[in-house]
Amino acid sequence: VGGVTIIEGIVLALFAVLFAWVALSFVSGLAG
């Protein structure tokens, strides 16, 4: 909204990895 600051960039990078981790577990659960 106001431009991505350095700290916000760190948050976005962390979120990407963590969300991918949760998403893989979710998809595996759906497959099961």
ModelCIF file with pLDDT and N, C-alpha, C, O atoms, coordinates in Angstrom:
data_MODEL
#
_entry.id   MODEL 
#
_entity.id                         1 
_entity.type                       polymer 
_entity.pdbx_number_of_molecules   1 
#
_entity_poly.entity_id                      1 
_entity_poly.type                           'polypeptide(L)' 
_entity_poly.nstd_linkage                   no 
_entity_poly.nstd_monomer                   no 
_entity_poly.pdbx_seq_one_letter_code       VGGVTIIEGIVLALFAVLFAWVALSFVSGLAG 
_entity_poly.pdbx_seq_one_letter_code_can   VGGVTIIEGIVLALFAVLFAWVALSFVSGLAG 
_entity_poly.pdbx_strand_id                 A 
#
loop_
_entity_poly_seq.entity_id 
_entity_poly_seq.num 
_entity_poly_seq.mon_id 
_entity_poly_seq.hetero 
1 1  VAL n 
1 2  GLY n 
1 3  GLY n 
1 4  VAL n 
1 5  THR n 
1 6  ILE n 
1 7  ILE n 
1 8  GLU n 
1 9  GLY n 
1 10 ILE n 
1 11 VAL n 
1 12 LEU n 
1 13 ALA n 
1 14 LEU n 
1 15 PHE n 
1 16 ALA n 
1 17 VAL n 
1 18 LEU n 
1 19 PHE n 
1 20 ALA n 
1 21 TRP n 
1 22 VAL n 
1 23 ALA n 
1 24 LEU n 
1 25 SER n 
1 26 PHE n 
1 27 VAL n 
1 28 SER n 
1 29 GLY n 
1 30 LEU n 
1 31 ALA n 
1 32 GLY n 
#
_struct_asym.id          A 
_struct_asym.entity_id   1 
#
loop_
_ma_qa_metric.id 
_ma_qa_metric.mode 
_ma_qa_metric.name 
_ma_qa_metric.software_group_id 
_ma_qa_metric.type 
1 global pLDDT . pLDDT 
2 local  pLDDT . pLDDT 
#
_ma_qa_metric_global.metric_id      1 
_ma_qa_metric_global.metric_value   90.59 
_ma_qa_metric_global.model_id       1 
_ma_qa_metric_global.ordinal_id     1 
#
loop_
_ma_qa_metric_local.label_asym_id 
_ma_qa_metric_local.label_comp_id 
_ma_qa_metric_local.label_seq_id 
_ma_qa_metric_local.metric_id 
_ma_qa_metric_local.metric_value 
_ma_qa_metric_local.model_id 
_ma_qa_metric_local.ordinal_id 
A VAL 1  2 69.00 1 1  
A GLY 2  2 64.00 1 2  
A GLY 3  2 71.00 1 3  
A VAL 4  2 78.00 1 4  
A THR 5  2 80.00 1 5  
A ILE 6  2 85.00 1 6  
A ILE 7  2 85.00 1 7  
A GLU 8  2 85.00 1 8  
A GLY 9  2 89.00 1 9  
A ILE 10 2 91.00 1 10 
A VAL 11 2 90.00 1 11 
A LEU 12 2 93.00 1 12 
A ALA 13 2 94.00 1 13 
A LEU 14 2 95.00 1 14 
A PHE 15 2 94.00 1 15 
A ALA 16 2 95.00 1 16 
A VAL 17 2 96.00 1 17 
A LEU 18 2 95.00 1 18 
A PHE 19 2 95.00 1 19 
A ALA 20 2 96.00 1 20 
A TRP 21 2 95.00 1 21 
A VAL 22 2 95.00 1 22 
A ALA 23 2 97.00 1 23 
A LEU 24 2 97.00 1 24 
A SER 25 2 96.00 1 25 
A PHE 26 2 97.00 1 26 
A VAL 27 2 97.00 1 27 
A SER 28 2 97.00 1 28 
A GLY 29 2 97.00 1 29 
A LEU 30 2 97.00 1 30 
A ALA 31 2 97.00 1 31 
A GLY 32 2 97.00 1 32 
#
loop_
_atom_site.group_PDB 
_atom_site.id 
_atom_site.type_symbol 
_atom_site.label_atom_id 
_atom_site.label_alt_id 
_atom_site.label_comp_id 
_atom_site.label_asym_id 
_atom_site.label_entity_id 
_atom_site.label_seq_id 
_atom_site.pdbx_PDB_ins_code 
_atom_site.Cartn_x 
_atom_site.Cartn_y 
_atom_site.Cartn_z 
_atom_site.occupancy 
_atom_site.B_iso_or_equiv 
_atom_site.pdbx_formal_charge 
_atom_site.auth_seq_id 
_atom_site.auth_comp_id 
_atom_site.auth_asym_id 
_atom_site.auth_atom_id 
_atom_site.pdbx_PDB_model_num 
ATOM 1   N N  . VAL A 1 1  ? 0.827  -1.211  0.000  1.00 69.00 ? 1  VAL A N  1 
ATOM 2   C CA . VAL A 1 1  ? 0.000  0.000   0.000  1.00 69.00 ? 1  VAL A CA 1 
ATOM 3   C C  . VAL A 1 1  ? 0.855  1.252   0.000  1.00 69.00 ? 1  VAL A C  1 
ATOM 4   O O  . VAL A 1 1  ? 0.610  2.186   -0.764 1.00 69.00 ? 1  VAL A O  1 
ATOM 5   N N  . GLY A 1 2  ? 1.869  1.263   0.871  1.00 64.00 ? 2  GLY A N  1 
ATOM 6   C CA . GLY A 1 2  ? 2.733  2.445   0.908  1.00 64.00 ? 2  GLY A CA 1 
ATOM 7   C C  . GLY A 1 2  ? 4.117  2.170   0.369  1.00 64.00 ? 2  GLY A C  1 
ATOM 8   O O  . GLY A 1 2  ? 5.055  2.905   0.682  1.00 64.00 ? 2  GLY A O  1 
ATOM 9   N N  . GLY A 1 3  ? 4.270  1.134   -0.429 1.00 71.00 ? 3  GLY A N  1 
ATOM 10  C CA . GLY A 1 3  ? 5.588  0.726   -0.883 1.00 71.00 ? 3  GLY A CA 1 
ATOM 11  C C  . GLY A 1 3  ? 6.182  -0.282  0.079  1.00 71.00 ? 3  GLY A C  1 
ATOM 12  O O  . GLY A 1 3  ? 5.988  -0.177  1.290  1.00 71.00 ? 3  GLY A O  1 
ATOM 13  N N  . VAL A 1 4  ? 6.900  -1.251  -0.445 1.00 78.00 ? 4  VAL A N  1 
ATOM 14  C CA . VAL A 1 4  ? 7.446  -2.331  0.371  1.00 78.00 ? 4  VAL A CA 1 
ATOM 15  C C  . VAL A 1 4  ? 8.791  -1.911  0.947  1.00 78.00 ? 4  VAL A C  1 
ATOM 16  O O  . VAL A 1 4  ? 9.761  -1.732  0.210  1.00 78.00 ? 4  VAL A O  1 
ATOM 17  N N  . THR A 1 5  ? 8.846  -1.754  2.273  1.00 80.00 ? 5  THR A N  1 
ATOM 18  C CA . THR A 1 5  ? 10.079 -1.397  2.953  1.00 80.00 ? 5  THR A CA 1 
ATOM 19  C C  . THR A 1 5  ? 10.966 -2.636  3.107  1.00 80.00 ? 5  THR A C  1 
ATOM 20  O O  . THR A 1 5  ? 10.573 -3.742  2.739  1.00 80.00 ? 5  THR A O  1 
ATOM 21  N N  . ILE A 1 6  ? 12.165 -2.433  3.655  1.00 85.00 ? 6  ILE A N  1 
ATOM 22  C CA . ILE A 1 6  ? 13.085 -3.560  3.849  1.00 85.00 ? 6  ILE A CA 1 
ATOM 23  C C  . ILE A 1 6  ? 12.486 -4.585  4.800  1.00 85.00 ? 6  ILE A C  1 
ATOM 24  O O  . ILE A 1 6  ? 12.534 -5.788  4.543  1.00 85.00 ? 6  ILE A O  1 
ATOM 25  N N  . ILE A 1 7  ? 11.919 -4.097  5.909  1.00 85.00 ? 7  ILE A N  1 
ATOM 26  C CA . ILE A 1 7  ? 11.329 -5.026  6.882  1.00 85.00 ? 7  ILE A CA 1 
ATOM 27  C C  . ILE A 1 7  ? 10.145 -5.750  6.261  1.00 85.00 ? 7  ILE A C  1 
ATOM 28  O O  . ILE A 1 7  ? 9.966  -6.950  6.468  1.00 85.00 ? 7  ILE A O  1 
ATOM 29  N N  . GLU A 1 8  ? 9.330  -5.015  5.493  1.00 85.00 ? 8  GLU A N  1 
ATOM 30  C CA . GLU A 1 8  ? 8.186  -5.654  4.839  1.00 85.00 ? 8  GLU A CA 1 
ATOM 31  C C  . GLU A 1 8  ? 8.652  -6.681  3.808  1.00 85.00 ? 8  GLU A C  1 
ATOM 32  O O  . GLU A 1 8  ? 8.000  -7.708  3.619  1.00 85.00 ? 8  GLU A O  1 
ATOM 33  N N  . GLY A 1 9  ? 9.762  -6.413  3.149  1.00 89.00 ? 9  GLY A N  1 
ATOM 34  C CA . GLY A 1 9  ? 10.312 -7.394  2.215  1.00 89.00 ? 9  GLY A CA 1 
ATOM 35  C C  . GLY A 1 9  ? 10.741 -8.670  2.923  1.00 89.00 ? 9  GLY A C  1 
ATOM 36  O O  . GLY A 1 9  ? 10.557 -9.772  2.407  1.00 89.00 ? 9  GLY A O  1 
ATOM 37  N N  . ILE A 1 10 ? 11.321 -8.506  4.125  1.00 91.00 ? 10 ILE A N  1 
ATOM 38  C CA . ILE A 1 10 ? 11.702 -9.681  4.915  1.00 91.00 ? 10 ILE A CA 1 
ATOM 39  C C  . ILE A 1 10 ? 10.460 -10.474 5.302  1.00 91.00 ? 10 ILE A C  1 
ATOM 40  O O  . ILE A 1 10 ? 10.441 -11.702 5.218  1.00 91.00 ? 10 ILE A O  1 
ATOM 41  N N  . VAL A 1 11 ? 9.416  -9.748  5.731  1.00 90.00 ? 11 VAL A N  1 
ATOM 42  C CA . VAL A 1 11 ? 8.162  -10.411 6.093  1.00 90.00 ? 11 VAL A CA 1 
ATOM 43  C C  . VAL A 1 11 ? 7.593  -11.169 4.908  1.00 90.00 ? 11 VAL A C  1 
ATOM 44  O O  . VAL A 1 11 ? 7.121  -12.295 5.066  1.00 90.00 ? 11 VAL A O  1 
ATOM 45  N N  . LEU A 1 12 ? 7.628  -10.571 3.722  1.00 93.00 ? 12 LEU A N  1 
ATOM 46  C CA . LEU A 1 12 ? 7.083  -11.215 2.532  1.00 93.00 ? 12 LEU A CA 1 
ATOM 47  C C  . LEU A 1 12 ? 7.876  -12.477 2.186  1.00 93.00 ? 12 LEU A C  1 
ATOM 48  O O  . LEU A 1 12 ? 7.292  -13.500 1.829  1.00 93.00 ? 12 LEU A O  1 
ATOM 49  N N  . ALA A 1 13 ? 9.202  -12.404 2.293  1.00 94.00 ? 13 ALA A N  1 
ATOM 50  C CA . ALA A 1 13 ? 10.030 -13.579 1.986  1.00 94.00 ? 13 ALA A CA 1 
ATOM 51  C C  . ALA A 1 13 ? 9.766  -14.702 2.991  1.00 94.00 ? 13 ALA A C  1 
ATOM 52  O O  . ALA A 1 13 ? 9.630  -15.863 2.604  1.00 94.00 ? 13 ALA A O  1 
ATOM 53  N N  . LEU A 1 14 ? 9.694  -14.359 4.275  1.00 95.00 ? 14 LEU A N  1 
ATOM 54  C CA . LEU A 1 14 ? 9.395  -15.368 5.285  1.00 95.00 ? 14 LEU A CA 1 
ATOM 55  C C  . LEU A 1 14 ? 8.017  -15.978 5.061  1.00 95.00 ? 14 LEU A C  1 
ATOM 56  O O  . LEU A 1 14 ? 7.835  -17.190 5.177  1.00 95.00 ? 14 LEU A O  1 
ATOM 57  N N  . PHE A 1 15 ? 7.056  -15.128 4.741  1.00 94.00 ? 15 PHE A N  1 
ATOM 58  C CA . PHE A 1 15 ? 5.696  -15.612 4.517  1.00 94.00 ? 15 PHE A CA 1 
ATOM 59  C C  . PHE A 1 15 ? 5.652  -16.574 3.337  1.00 94.00 ? 15 PHE A C  1 
ATOM 60  O O  . PHE A 1 15 ? 4.938  -17.576 3.383  1.00 94.00 ? 15 PHE A O  1 
ATOM 61  N N  . ALA A 1 16 ? 6.409  -16.281 2.275  1.00 95.00 ? 16 ALA A N  1 
ATOM 62  C CA . ALA A 1 16 ? 6.399  -17.142 1.090  1.00 95.00 ? 16 ALA A CA 1 
ATOM 63  C C  . ALA A 1 16 ? 6.860  -18.550 1.443  1.00 95.00 ? 16 ALA A C  1 
ATOM 64  O O  . ALA A 1 16 ? 6.235  -19.529 1.034  1.00 95.00 ? 16 ALA A O  1 
ATOM 65  N N  . VAL A 1 17 ? 7.952  -18.660 2.201  1.00 96.00 ? 17 VAL A N  1 
ATOM 66  C CA . VAL A 1 17 ? 8.471  -19.977 2.568  1.00 96.00 ? 17 VAL A CA 1 
ATOM 67  C C  . VAL A 1 17 ? 7.504  -20.695 3.502  1.00 96.00 ? 17 VAL A C  1 
ATOM 68  O O  . VAL A 1 17 ? 7.212  -21.876 3.311  1.00 96.00 ? 17 VAL A O  1 
ATOM 69  N N  . LEU A 1 18 ? 7.012  -19.985 4.506  1.00 95.00 ? 18 LEU A N  1 
ATOM 70  C CA . LEU A 1 18 ? 6.126  -20.605 5.494  1.00 95.00 ? 18 LEU A CA 1 
ATOM 71  C C  . LEU A 1 18 ? 4.791  -21.002 4.880  1.00 95.00 ? 18 LEU A C  1 
ATOM 72  O O  . LEU A 1 18 ? 4.250  -22.060 5.204  1.00 95.00 ? 18 LEU A O  1 
ATOM 73  N N  . PHE A 1 19 ? 4.259  -20.171 4.005  1.00 95.00 ? 19 PHE A N  1 
ATOM 74  C CA . PHE A 1 19 ? 2.978  -20.493 3.377  1.00 95.00 ? 19 PHE A CA 1 
ATOM 75  C C  . PHE A 1 19 ? 3.134  -21.690 2.441  1.00 95.00 ? 19 PHE A C  1 
ATOM 76  O O  . PHE A 1 19 ? 2.236  -22.527 2.356  1.00 95.00 ? 19 PHE A O  1 
ATOM 77  N N  . ALA A 1 20 ? 4.267  -21.780 1.737  1.00 96.00 ? 20 ALA A N  1 
ATOM 78  C CA . ALA A 1 20 ? 4.518  -22.945 0.879  1.00 96.00 ? 20 ALA A CA 1 
ATOM 79  C C  . ALA A 1 20 ? 4.567  -24.216 1.717  1.00 96.00 ? 20 ALA A C  1 
ATOM 80  O O  . ALA A 1 20 ? 4.062  -25.260 1.305  1.00 96.00 ? 20 ALA A O  1 
ATOM 81  N N  . TRP A 1 21 ? 5.177  -24.121 2.889  1.00 95.00 ? 21 TRP A N  1 
ATOM 82  C CA . TRP A 1 21 ? 5.264  -25.270 3.805  1.00 95.00 ? 21 TRP A CA 1 
ATOM 83  C C  . TRP A 1 21 ? 3.864  -25.731 4.210  1.00 95.00 ? 21 TRP A C  1 
ATOM 84  O O  . TRP A 1 21 ? 3.560  -26.924 4.170  1.00 95.00 ? 21 TRP A O  1 
ATOM 85  N N  . VAL A 1 22 ? 3.013  -24.776 4.602  1.00 95.00 ? 22 VAL A N  1 
ATOM 86  C CA . VAL A 1 22 ? 1.646  -25.103 5.005  1.00 95.00 ? 22 VAL A CA 1 
ATOM 87  C C  . VAL A 1 22 ? 0.850  -25.627 3.815  1.00 95.00 ? 22 VAL A C  1 
ATOM 88  O O  . VAL A 1 22 ? 0.060  -26.561 3.955  1.00 95.00 ? 22 VAL A O  1 
ATOM 89  N N  . ALA A 1 23 ? 1.057  -25.023 2.640  1.00 97.00 ? 23 ALA A N  1 
ATOM 90  C CA . ALA A 1 23 ? 0.303  -25.427 1.445  1.00 97.00 ? 23 ALA A CA 1 
ATOM 91  C C  . ALA A 1 23 ? 0.622  -26.860 1.049  1.00 97.00 ? 23 ALA A C  1 
ATOM 92  O O  . ALA A 1 23 ? -0.282 -27.606 0.675  1.00 97.00 ? 23 ALA A O  1 
ATOM 93  N N  . LEU A 1 24 ? 1.899  -27.266 1.123  1.00 97.00 ? 24 LEU A N  1 
ATOM 94  C CA . LEU A 1 24 ? 2.266  -28.640 0.773  1.00 97.00 ? 24 LEU A CA 1 
ATOM 95  C C  . LEU A 1 24 ? 1.600  -29.635 1.720  1.00 97.00 ? 24 LEU A C  1 
ATOM 96  O O  . LEU A 1 24 ? 1.105  -30.675 1.286  1.00 97.00 ? 24 LEU A O  1 
ATOM 97  N N  . SER A 1 25 ? 1.588  -29.317 3.003  1.00 96.00 ? 25 SER A N  1 
ATOM 98  C CA . SER A 1 25 ? 0.921  -30.192 3.973  1.00 96.00 ? 25 SER A CA 1 
ATOM 99  C C  . SER A 1 25 ? -0.573 -30.269 3.695  1.00 96.00 ? 25 SER A C  1 
ATOM 100 O O  . SER A 1 25 ? -1.174 -31.339 3.794  1.00 96.00 ? 25 SER A O  1 
ATOM 101 N N  . PHE A 1 26 ? -1.174 -29.133 3.346  1.00 97.00 ? 26 PHE A N  1 
ATOM 102 C CA . PHE A 1 26 ? -2.607 -29.096 3.052  1.00 97.00 ? 26 PHE A CA 1 
ATOM 103 C C  . PHE A 1 26 ? -2.939 -29.946 1.823  1.00 97.00 ? 26 PHE A C  1 
ATOM 104 O O  . PHE A 1 26 ? -3.898 -30.717 1.838  1.00 97.00 ? 26 PHE A O  1 
ATOM 105 N N  . VAL A 1 27 ? -2.151 -29.804 0.773  1.00 97.00 ? 27 VAL A N  1 
ATOM 106 C CA . VAL A 1 27 ? -2.411 -30.551 -0.463 1.00 97.00 ? 27 VAL A CA 1 
ATOM 107 C C  . VAL A 1 27 ? -2.220 -32.046 -0.225 1.00 97.00 ? 27 VAL A C  1 
ATOM 108 O O  . VAL A 1 27 ? -2.994 -32.858 -0.732 1.00 97.00 ? 27 VAL A O  1 
ATOM 109 N N  . SER A 1 28 ? -1.188 -32.417 0.547  1.00 97.00 ? 28 SER A N  1 
ATOM 110 C CA . SER A 1 28 ? -0.987 -33.833 0.869  1.00 97.00 ? 28 SER A CA 1 
ATOM 111 C C  . SER A 1 28 ? -2.178 -34.379 1.652  1.00 97.00 ? 28 SER A C  1 
ATOM 112 O O  . SER A 1 28 ? -2.610 -35.510 1.432  1.00 97.00 ? 28 SER A O  1 
ATOM 113 N N  . GLY A 1 29 ? -2.706 -33.557 2.574  1.00 97.00 ? 29 GLY A N  1 
ATOM 114 C CA . GLY A 1 29 ? -3.893 -33.976 3.321  1.00 97.00 ? 29 GLY A CA 1 
ATOM 115 C C  . GLY A 1 29 ? -5.093 -34.186 2.418  1.00 97.00 ? 29 GLY A C  1 
ATOM 116 O O  . GLY A 1 29 ? -5.842 -35.148 2.587  1.00 97.00 ? 29 GLY A O  1 
ATOM 117 N N  . LEU A 1 30 ? -5.279 -33.289 1.457  1.00 97.00 ? 30 LEU A N  1 
ATOM 118 C CA . LEU A 1 30 ? -6.379 -33.456 0.495  1.00 97.00 ? 30 LEU A CA 1 
ATOM 119 C C  . LEU A 1 30 ? -6.216 -34.754 -0.293 1.00 97.00 ? 30 LEU A C  1 
ATOM 120 O O  . LEU A 1 30 ? -7.185 -35.478 -0.523 1.00 97.00 ? 30 LEU A O  1 
ATOM 121 N N  . ALA A 1 31 ? -4.983 -35.039 -0.701 1.00 97.00 ? 31 ALA A N  1 
ATOM 122 C CA . ALA A 1 31 ? -4.729 -36.275 -1.447 1.00 97.00 ? 31 ALA A CA 1 
ATOM 123 C C  . ALA A 1 31 ? -5.051 -37.491 -0.587 1.00 97.00 ? 31 ALA A C  1 
ATOM 124 O O  . ALA A 1 31 ? -5.631 -38.461 -1.076 1.00 97.00 ? 31 ALA A O  1 
ATOM 125 N N  . GLY A 1 32 ? -4.681 -37.445 0.687  1.00 97.00 ? 32 GLY A N  1 
ATOM 126 C CA . GLY A 1 32 ? -4.991 -38.552 1.585  1.00 97.00 ? 32 GLY A CA 1 
ATOM 127 C C  . GLY A 1 32 ? -6.479 -38.727 1.785  1.00 97.00 ? 32 GLY A C  1 
ATOM 128 O O  . GLY A 1 32 ? -6.903 -39.621 2.518  1.00 97.00 ? 32 GLY A O  1 
#
